[in-house]
Amino acid sequence: MLSSKQKSIVATNLFRKFCVYGFLKNMKLFEPFLMLYLLSIPLRLSEIGWLYAVREITVIVFSLPMGLLADVWGRKRTLMASFVFYMAFCLCLFMAASAPLIWLGMFLFGFAESLRLGTHKAMIFSWIAKEKLKRERTFVYARTRSYSMWGMSVGGLISAFYLIFVPYMQWVFLLAMIPYALDFWLVSTYPDELNSGKGIVHLDQMRKHLEQSINDLLQEFMLKRSLFSLYVYEGFFRTIRDYMQPLIQGLMISSVSLAGLVYVHDTQSSPWVLGVLYSIFYLLSAFATRQSYLCKKNWGARVTANRIFFLCGFVLLLISWSVHNLYLLIFLFMLFFVMSNMRRPLMVGILGKRMDDEKRATLFSLGSLIKSMVIVLLAPLLGIMADTLGMIFMLRVAAVLVLIMAVILRIPSKKSNFL
């Protein structure tokens, strides 16, 4: 049951816009099939790993200056610009007749991410501070995040059925432009008070803002540990999630051992099934994310986040032992998927409590930079392992790394000595 305060939040017009924004932004109609589409070109897993690395290197290079730009020039303006580049990415992948277009597309996606990442969260937390809703920050972010999961779920279904009626997977990139265009319009209707910046950029002002933000991060241990805990894990999750696509499809196509899988040849036979699976995963994630504030209430946000980090490493280890059983593999991947998405609003709530309002976009961009660095290191490494040593070996190495990080990046809590 929602409290009277939570009911009043849900009824707010701007809060509803935040929810619709997340729904449209996360539809990403291409996401369940991106790996399969690149495999069908055809590219090897190691080559795709390098493509992902280029995308994330772009985020690394631009996320910090773009976070500064959002805080100084204006968050609303920066966010609207990101959707223009997302649409350009979709056009490049739709017309991907040559390698340069694919590389350009990945660069444009990375640049769009650098503009967007952290900017909208900063706007939400500015609104929370203005409306004096700090006690409800986990509820607010969990509820808006659940709509993002709904968007992914609906997007998976739409793209799955769309692929039944079109001959080639690249047509889904054309369809994916529609939600981005709608989000561009929606953000333009946000009140100007959320823009934050003055619309004028001075390099000296940006330099001072960056120095102050980094100084805050270095001096505040809990802020530093929480930022690394969230974004290092997000980097692991993003990379491993994408490499699961060919593994699941391979089991659908064939009952042979996948221990030496290099790439799946029959990429046109079952991508729509993956779309439906992703839709179910995101639907369950939406319900779990929506209720994550109850975990904070019962066990505390830090304890719950620590436990999910550790459990996800353990589940990933179980996945590596289940690659020959399709139903068990799907169940374990679903568990890994749902827990990972449930952890995010808890961590964002912890971070939001400790961030200064004027530096939020910059600090969230620093976090995104950390996540991108993890992906840059992991994506090519795991791709090479999958190509040369097999998917099973790659998954076990990834699981061990997640378990090690769960111990190293544990967030101290008075409620628990370890988990």
Protein backbone atom coordinates (compact mmCIF):
# COMPACT_ATOMS: atom_id res chain seq x y z
CA MET A 1 0.00 0.00 0.00
CA LEU A 2 1.22 3.46 -0.86
CA SER A 3 1.37 6.17 1.78
CA SER A 4 -0.54 9.42 1.29
CA LYS A 5 2.75 11.14 0.40
CA GLN A 6 3.54 8.52 -2.25
CA LYS A 7 0.03 8.81 -3.70
CA SER A 8 0.46 12.57 -4.06
CA ILE A 9 3.83 12.03 -5.81
CA VAL A 10 2.30 9.57 -8.29
CA ALA A 11 -0.46 12.08 -9.11
CA THR A 12 2.05 14.83 -9.99
CA ASN A 13 2.12 15.79 -13.68
CA LEU A 14 5.93 16.11 -13.85
CA PHE A 15 6.40 12.75 -12.15
CA ARG A 16 4.21 11.18 -14.83
CA LYS A 17 6.39 12.79 -17.50
CA PHE A 18 9.46 11.26 -15.83
CA CYS A 19 7.78 7.84 -16.07
CA VAL A 20 6.81 8.26 -19.74
CA TYR A 21 10.36 9.45 -20.51
CA GLY A 22 11.80 6.24 -19.04
CA PHE A 23 9.24 4.11 -20.86
CA LEU A 24 10.10 5.61 -24.28
CA LYS A 25 13.87 5.89 -23.73
CA ASN A 26 14.22 2.25 -22.75
CA MET A 27 12.08 0.75 -25.49
CA LYS A 28 15.32 0.19 -27.48
CA LEU A 29 13.59 -2.04 -30.01
CA PHE A 30 16.94 -3.26 -31.34
CA GLU A 31 18.44 -4.36 -28.00
CA PRO A 32 17.36 -8.05 -27.92
CA PHE A 33 18.83 -8.55 -31.42
CA LEU A 34 21.86 -6.26 -31.62
CA MET A 35 24.40 -9.01 -30.99
CA LEU A 36 22.58 -11.38 -33.38
CA TYR A 37 22.36 -8.71 -36.06
CA LEU A 38 26.09 -8.05 -35.88
CA LEU A 39 26.76 -11.81 -35.98
CA SER A 40 24.62 -12.07 -39.13
CA ILE A 41 26.71 -9.47 -41.03
CA PRO A 42 28.82 -11.65 -40.25
CA LEU A 43 31.20 -10.62 -37.47
CA ARG A 44 32.92 -12.78 -34.88
CA LEU A 45 32.32 -12.34 -31.15
CA SER A 46 35.82 -10.90 -30.72
CA GLU A 47 35.16 -8.33 -33.49
CA ILE A 48 31.85 -7.38 -31.86
CA GLY A 49 33.70 -7.02 -28.57
CA TRP A 50 35.93 -4.40 -30.20
CA LEU A 51 32.87 -2.61 -31.61
CA TYR A 52 31.41 -2.45 -28.12
CA ALA A 53 34.76 -1.19 -26.86
CA VAL A 54 34.71 1.66 -29.41
CA ARG A 55 31.21 2.60 -28.25
CA GLU A 56 32.32 2.70 -24.63
CA ILE A 57 35.61 4.50 -25.38
CA THR A 58 33.45 7.23 -26.93
CA VAL A 59 31.48 7.37 -23.67
CA ILE A 60 34.75 7.56 -21.70
CA VAL A 61 36.09 10.41 -23.81
CA PHE A 62 32.88 12.48 -23.84
CA SER A 63 30.84 11.58 -20.73
CA LEU A 64 32.70 13.86 -18.33
CA PRO A 65 32.71 16.96 -20.56
CA MET A 66 29.07 16.27 -21.46
CA GLY A 67 28.13 15.94 -17.78
CA LEU A 68 29.82 19.28 -17.16
CA LEU A 69 28.02 20.67 -20.19
CA ALA A 70 24.68 19.52 -18.77
CA ASP A 71 25.35 21.20 -15.40
CA VAL A 72 26.64 24.44 -16.97
CA TRP A 73 24.85 24.79 -20.34
CA GLY A 74 21.58 23.13 -19.32
CA ARG A 75 20.35 19.58 -18.63
CA LYS A 76 17.21 19.89 -20.72
CA ARG A 77 19.11 21.14 -23.78
CA THR A 78 21.77 18.43 -23.43
CA LEU A 79 19.16 15.67 -23.05
CA MET A 80 17.27 16.77 -26.16
CA ALA A 81 20.51 16.77 -28.17
CA SER A 82 21.20 13.16 -27.15
CA PHE A 83 18.05 11.89 -28.90
CA VAL A 84 19.18 13.44 -32.19
CA PHE A 85 22.35 11.32 -32.04
CA TYR A 86 20.41 8.18 -31.04
CA MET A 87 18.31 8.58 -34.20
CA ALA A 88 21.48 9.05 -36.27
CA PHE A 89 22.80 5.77 -34.79
CA CYS A 90 19.61 3.97 -35.86
CA LEU A 91 20.00 5.28 -39.42
CA CYS A 92 23.63 4.08 -39.59
CA LEU A 93 22.76 0.55 -38.43
CA PHE A 94 19.76 0.42 -40.76
CA MET A 95 22.01 1.28 -43.73
CA ALA A 96 24.97 -0.79 -42.45
CA ALA A 97 26.19 -1.99 -45.84
CA SER A 98 29.83 -1.40 -44.91
CA ALA A 99 32.10 -1.58 -41.87
CA PRO A 100 32.65 2.22 -41.65
CA LEU A 101 28.90 2.79 -41.18
CA ILE A 102 28.79 0.26 -38.33
CA TRP A 103 31.78 1.90 -36.63
CA LEU A 104 30.21 5.33 -37.13
CA GLY A 105 26.93 4.06 -35.71
CA MET A 106 28.63 2.75 -32.58
CA PHE A 107 30.46 6.06 -32.17
CA LEU A 108 27.18 8.01 -32.47
CA PHE A 109 25.49 5.75 -29.92
CA GLY A 110 28.37 6.27 -27.51
CA PHE A 111 28.21 10.04 -28.00
CA ALA A 112 24.44 10.02 -27.41
CA GLU A 113 24.97 8.00 -24.23
CA SER A 114 27.57 10.48 -23.00
CA LEU A 115 25.04 13.30 -23.44
CA ARG A 116 22.22 11.45 -21.70
CA LEU A 117 23.83 9.41 -18.92
CA GLY A 118 23.27 10.96 -15.52
CA THR A 119 21.48 14.01 -16.92
CA HIS A 120 17.91 12.84 -16.38
CA LYS A 121 18.72 11.36 -12.95
CA ALA A 122 20.15 14.75 -11.99
CA MET A 123 16.88 16.40 -13.10
CA ILE A 124 14.81 13.94 -11.04
CA PHE A 125 16.90 14.54 -7.92
CA SER A 126 16.72 18.31 -8.43
CA TRP A 127 12.93 17.98 -8.46
CA ILE A 128 13.08 15.77 -5.33
CA ALA A 129 15.15 18.42 -3.52
CA LYS A 130 12.84 21.24 -4.65
CA GLU A 131 9.72 19.36 -3.52
CA LYS A 132 11.39 18.25 -0.23
CA LEU A 133 10.93 14.54 -1.04
CA LYS A 134 14.35 13.25 0.06
CA ARG A 135 12.83 10.52 2.24
CA GLU A 136 10.98 9.21 -0.82
CA ARG A 137 13.94 9.30 -3.25
CA THR A 138 14.22 5.48 -3.49
CA PHE A 139 10.47 5.19 -4.08
CA VAL A 140 10.57 7.91 -6.76
CA TYR A 141 13.51 6.43 -8.65
CA ALA A 142 12.24 2.85 -8.26
CA ARG A 143 8.84 3.82 -9.65
CA THR A 144 10.31 5.72 -12.63
CA ARG A 145 12.80 2.90 -13.22
CA SER A 146 9.95 0.37 -13.27
CA TYR A 147 8.43 2.28 -16.19
CA SER A 148 11.78 1.96 -17.95
CA MET A 149 11.49 -1.81 -17.50
CA TRP A 150 7.94 -1.67 -18.86
CA GLY A 151 9.31 0.17 -21.89
CA MET A 152 11.90 -2.55 -22.48
CA SER A 153 9.23 -5.23 -22.09
CA VAL A 154 6.82 -3.60 -24.55
CA GLY A 155 9.72 -2.80 -26.91
CA GLY A 156 10.78 -6.45 -26.93
CA LEU A 157 7.28 -7.58 -27.85
CA ILE A 158 6.82 -4.93 -30.56
CA SER A 159 10.15 -5.70 -32.21
CA ALA A 160 9.60 -9.47 -31.94
CA PHE A 161 6.28 -9.32 -33.81
CA TYR A 162 7.63 -6.70 -36.20
CA LEU A 163 10.39 -9.11 -37.23
CA ILE A 164 7.79 -11.73 -38.15
CA PHE A 165 6.52 -9.48 -40.95
CA VAL A 166 9.76 -7.92 -42.25
CA PRO A 167 12.46 -9.85 -44.10
CA TYR A 168 15.58 -8.49 -42.40
CA MET A 169 16.56 -7.58 -38.85
CA GLN A 170 17.92 -4.14 -39.79
CA TRP A 171 14.38 -2.83 -40.32
CA VAL A 172 13.94 -2.80 -36.54
CA PHE A 173 16.44 0.12 -36.35
CA LEU A 174 14.09 2.23 -38.46
CA LEU A 175 11.22 1.45 -36.09
CA ALA A 176 13.46 2.26 -33.09
CA MET A 177 13.70 5.92 -34.16
CA ILE A 178 10.05 6.59 -33.23
CA PRO A 179 10.43 6.35 -29.39
CA TYR A 180 13.54 8.57 -29.56
CA ALA A 181 11.65 11.22 -31.54
CA LEU A 182 8.78 11.11 -29.02
CA ASP A 183 11.20 11.49 -26.09
CA PHE A 184 12.80 14.50 -27.79
CA TRP A 185 9.38 16.16 -27.87
CA LEU A 186 8.54 15.10 -24.28
CA VAL A 187 11.74 16.55 -22.80
CA SER A 188 11.05 19.82 -24.63
CA THR A 189 7.88 20.14 -22.50
CA TYR A 190 9.80 19.89 -19.18
CA PRO A 191 9.74 23.10 -17.10
CA ASP A 192 12.74 25.37 -17.64
CA GLU A 193 13.57 25.25 -13.92
CA LEU A 194 14.95 21.72 -14.47
CA ASN A 195 17.42 23.03 -17.04
CA SER A 196 19.80 24.05 -14.23
CA GLY A 197 22.40 25.65 -16.51
CA LYS A 198 22.54 29.25 -17.69
CA GLY A 199 22.82 28.44 -21.39
CA ILE A 200 26.31 29.99 -21.57
CA VAL A 201 29.43 27.82 -21.35
CA HIS A 202 32.74 29.13 -19.99
CA LEU A 203 35.69 26.73 -19.97
CA ASP A 204 37.03 28.17 -16.72
CA GLN A 205 33.64 27.63 -15.07
CA MET A 206 33.56 24.02 -16.30
CA ARG A 207 37.10 23.41 -15.00
CA LYS A 208 36.25 24.71 -11.52
CA HIS A 209 33.01 22.70 -11.48
CA LEU A 210 34.94 19.52 -12.36
CA GLU A 211 37.59 20.14 -9.71
CA GLN A 212 34.91 20.66 -7.04
CA SER A 213 33.03 17.50 -8.11
CA ILE A 214 36.17 15.31 -8.06
CA ASN A 215 37.19 16.80 -4.71
CA ASP A 216 33.78 15.88 -3.26
CA LEU A 217 34.14 12.34 -4.61
CA LEU A 218 37.65 11.82 -3.21
CA GLN A 219 36.82 13.22 0.22
CA GLU A 220 33.56 11.33 0.72
CA PHE A 221 34.39 7.62 1.19
CA MET A 222 30.79 6.39 1.07
CA LEU A 223 30.07 8.37 -2.09
CA LYS A 224 33.19 6.99 -3.76
CA ARG A 225 32.52 3.38 -2.73
CA SER A 226 28.83 3.56 -3.74
CA LEU A 227 29.64 5.11 -7.14
CA PHE A 228 32.16 2.36 -7.93
CA SER A 229 29.85 -0.38 -6.60
CA LEU A 230 26.98 0.72 -8.86
CA TYR A 231 28.88 1.39 -12.07
CA VAL A 232 31.45 -1.43 -11.93
CA TYR A 233 28.58 -3.87 -11.52
CA GLU A 234 26.61 -2.18 -14.32
CA GLY A 235 29.63 -2.63 -16.60
CA PHE A 236 29.76 -6.36 -15.83
CA PHE A 237 26.00 -6.77 -16.29
CA ARG A 238 25.84 -4.91 -19.62
CA THR A 239 28.69 -6.94 -21.11
CA ILE A 240 27.56 -10.36 -19.89
CA ARG A 241 23.92 -9.72 -20.85
CA ASP A 242 24.81 -9.14 -24.50
CA TYR A 243 27.02 -12.22 -24.74
CA MET A 244 24.10 -14.35 -23.50
CA GLN A 245 22.12 -13.66 -26.72
CA PRO A 246 24.00 -16.06 -29.03
CA LEU A 247 24.21 -18.66 -26.26
CA ILE A 248 20.43 -18.77 -25.76
CA GLN A 249 19.75 -18.70 -29.48
CA GLY A 250 22.31 -21.43 -30.05
CA LEU A 251 20.43 -23.72 -27.67
CA MET A 252 17.18 -22.93 -29.44
CA ILE A 253 18.68 -23.82 -32.81
CA SER A 254 20.66 -26.90 -31.86
CA SER A 255 21.03 -29.42 -29.04
CA VAL A 256 24.76 -29.79 -29.63
CA SER A 257 27.32 -28.68 -27.05
CA LEU A 258 27.96 -24.95 -26.96
CA ALA A 259 31.22 -25.20 -25.05
CA GLY A 260 33.19 -24.37 -28.18
CA LEU A 261 30.67 -21.91 -29.68
CA VAL A 262 32.24 -19.30 -31.93
CA TYR A 263 29.20 -17.79 -33.55
CA VAL A 264 25.70 -18.81 -34.49
CA HIS A 265 25.07 -19.19 -38.21
CA ASP A 266 21.28 -19.30 -38.27
CA THR A 267 20.59 -15.84 -36.90
CA GLN A 268 17.31 -15.34 -38.78
CA SER A 269 15.48 -18.37 -37.40
CA SER A 270 14.64 -17.30 -33.87
CA PRO A 271 15.40 -13.64 -33.04
CA TRP A 272 11.71 -12.93 -32.44
CA VAL A 273 11.72 -15.64 -29.71
CA LEU A 274 14.55 -13.73 -28.00
CA GLY A 275 12.42 -10.59 -28.25
CA VAL A 276 9.58 -12.31 -26.39
CA LEU A 277 12.01 -13.66 -23.76
CA TYR A 278 13.51 -10.21 -23.18
CA SER A 279 9.99 -8.82 -22.90
CA ILE A 280 9.19 -11.31 -20.13
CA PHE A 281 12.49 -10.59 -18.36
CA TYR A 282 11.84 -6.85 -18.38
CA LEU A 283 8.23 -7.35 -17.29
CA LEU A 284 9.42 -9.26 -14.22
CA SER A 285 12.16 -6.65 -13.69
CA ALA A 286 9.50 -3.91 -13.72
CA PHE A 287 7.57 -5.61 -10.91
CA ALA A 288 10.76 -6.26 -8.90
CA THR A 289 12.08 -2.71 -9.41
CA ARG A 290 8.73 -1.24 -8.42
CA GLN A 291 8.93 -3.03 -5.06
CA SER A 292 12.65 -2.46 -4.41
CA TYR A 293 11.88 0.33 -1.93
CA LEU A 294 10.34 -2.38 0.30
CA CYS A 295 13.75 -4.11 0.43
CA LYS A 296 15.22 -0.84 1.67
CA LYS A 297 12.48 -0.64 4.29
CA ASN A 298 12.99 -4.23 5.52
CA TRP A 299 16.75 -4.81 5.24
CA GLY A 300 18.27 -1.48 4.25
CA ALA A 301 19.45 -0.36 0.82
CA ARG A 302 23.14 -1.07 1.43
CA VAL A 303 22.64 -4.61 2.73
CA THR A 304 20.25 -5.51 -0.09
CA ALA A 305 22.60 -4.07 -2.75
CA ASN A 306 25.56 -6.01 -1.31
CA ARG A 307 23.61 -9.26 -1.27
CA ILE A 308 22.37 -8.86 -4.85
CA PHE A 309 25.94 -8.18 -6.05
CA PHE A 310 27.17 -11.41 -4.46
CA LEU A 311 24.14 -13.50 -5.49
CA CYS A 312 24.44 -12.39 -9.13
CA GLY A 313 28.02 -13.69 -9.22
CA PHE A 314 26.84 -17.01 -7.80
CA VAL A 315 23.95 -17.24 -10.31
CA LEU A 316 26.36 -16.49 -13.15
CA LEU A 317 28.50 -19.41 -11.98
CA LEU A 318 25.41 -21.65 -12.05
CA ILE A 319 24.66 -20.43 -15.59
CA SER A 320 28.09 -21.67 -16.72
CA TRP A 321 27.12 -25.16 -15.49
CA SER A 322 23.72 -25.04 -17.22
CA VAL A 323 24.56 -24.20 -20.83
CA HIS A 324 23.22 -27.53 -22.14
CA ASN A 325 19.78 -27.16 -20.52
CA LEU A 326 17.72 -24.49 -22.29
CA TYR A 327 15.00 -24.12 -19.66
CA LEU A 328 17.40 -23.98 -16.70
CA LEU A 329 19.63 -21.54 -18.59
CA ILE A 330 16.68 -19.23 -19.32
CA PHE A 331 15.49 -19.40 -15.69
CA LEU A 332 18.93 -18.57 -14.28
CA PHE A 333 19.49 -15.78 -16.80
CA MET A 334 16.09 -14.36 -15.87
CA LEU A 335 17.10 -14.43 -12.19
CA PHE A 336 20.41 -12.68 -13.00
CA PHE A 337 18.54 -10.15 -15.14
CA VAL A 338 15.82 -9.30 -12.61
CA MET A 339 18.16 -9.02 -9.60
CA SER A 340 20.53 -6.76 -11.55
CA ASN A 341 17.73 -4.38 -12.52
CA MET A 342 16.34 -4.44 -8.97
CA ARG A 343 19.70 -3.35 -7.54
CA ARG A 344 19.95 -0.13 -9.56
CA PRO A 345 17.25 2.00 -7.83
CA LEU A 346 18.64 1.02 -4.42
CA MET A 347 22.11 2.20 -5.42
CA VAL A 348 20.86 5.40 -7.07
CA GLY A 349 18.96 6.20 -3.86
CA ILE A 350 22.16 5.75 -1.82
CA LEU A 351 24.08 8.02 -4.20
CA GLY A 352 21.36 10.66 -4.42
CA LYS A 353 21.49 11.16 -0.67
CA ARG A 354 25.18 12.08 -0.78
CA MET A 355 25.40 14.19 -3.94
CA ASP A 356 25.30 17.96 -4.06
CA ASP A 357 22.47 19.08 -6.37
CA GLU A 358 24.65 21.27 -8.61
CA LYS A 359 27.17 18.46 -9.19
CA ARG A 360 24.82 15.52 -9.75
CA ALA A 361 25.03 15.35 -13.55
CA THR A 362 28.84 15.55 -13.38
CA LEU A 363 29.11 12.84 -10.71
CA PHE A 364 26.69 10.53 -12.51
CA SER A 365 28.75 11.10 -15.67
CA LEU A 366 31.88 10.12 -13.73
CA GLY A 367 30.05 6.93 -12.78
CA SER A 368 29.14 6.28 -16.41
CA LEU A 369 32.78 6.76 -17.30
CA ILE A 370 33.70 4.05 -14.76
CA LYS A 371 31.08 1.71 -16.26
CA SER A 372 32.39 2.34 -19.78
CA MET A 373 35.97 1.62 -18.72
CA VAL A 374 34.83 -1.73 -17.32
CA ILE A 375 33.05 -2.55 -20.60
CA VAL A 376 36.07 -1.46 -22.68
CA LEU A 377 38.23 -3.92 -20.72
CA LEU A 378 35.68 -6.73 -20.50
CA ALA A 379 33.94 -6.79 -23.91
CA PRO A 380 37.01 -7.60 -26.06
CA LEU A 381 38.47 -9.88 -23.36
CA LEU A 382 35.30 -11.94 -22.97
CA GLY A 383 34.78 -11.99 -26.74
CA ILE A 384 38.28 -13.39 -27.32
CA MET A 385 37.72 -15.97 -24.55
CA ALA A 386 34.39 -17.03 -26.09
CA ASP A 387 35.99 -17.40 -29.54
CA THR A 388 39.10 -19.27 -28.42
CA LEU A 389 38.25 -21.09 -25.17
CA GLY A 390 34.45 -21.39 -25.38
CA MET A 391 31.43 -19.75 -23.77
CA ILE A 392 31.56 -21.94 -20.65
CA PHE A 393 35.09 -20.85 -19.77
CA MET A 394 34.21 -17.20 -20.45
CA LEU A 395 31.15 -17.33 -18.18
CA ARG A 396 33.11 -18.92 -15.33
CA VAL A 397 35.83 -16.28 -15.52
CA ALA A 398 33.13 -13.55 -15.54
CA ALA A 399 31.40 -15.14 -12.52
CA VAL A 400 34.62 -15.27 -10.49
CA LEU A 401 35.36 -11.63 -11.34
CA VAL A 402 31.85 -10.58 -10.21
CA LEU A 403 32.27 -12.46 -6.89
CA ILE A 404 35.66 -10.81 -6.29
CA MET A 405 34.22 -7.35 -7.04
CA ALA A 406 31.26 -8.07 -4.70
CA VAL A 407 33.74 -8.47 -1.83
CA ILE A 408 36.04 -5.57 -2.78
CA LEU A 409 33.20 -3.08 -3.43
CA ARG A 410 30.97 -4.00 -0.50
CA ILE A 411 29.24 -0.92 0.92
CA PRO A 412 29.76 -0.73 4.71
CA SER A 413 26.55 -1.00 6.72
CA LYS A 414 25.72 -0.98 10.43
CA LYS A 415 23.04 -3.63 9.81
CA SER A 416 25.47 -6.31 8.55
CA ASN A 417 29.17 -7.08 8.93
CA PHE A 418 29.40 -8.73 5.49
CA LEU A 419 26.25 -9.32 3.44
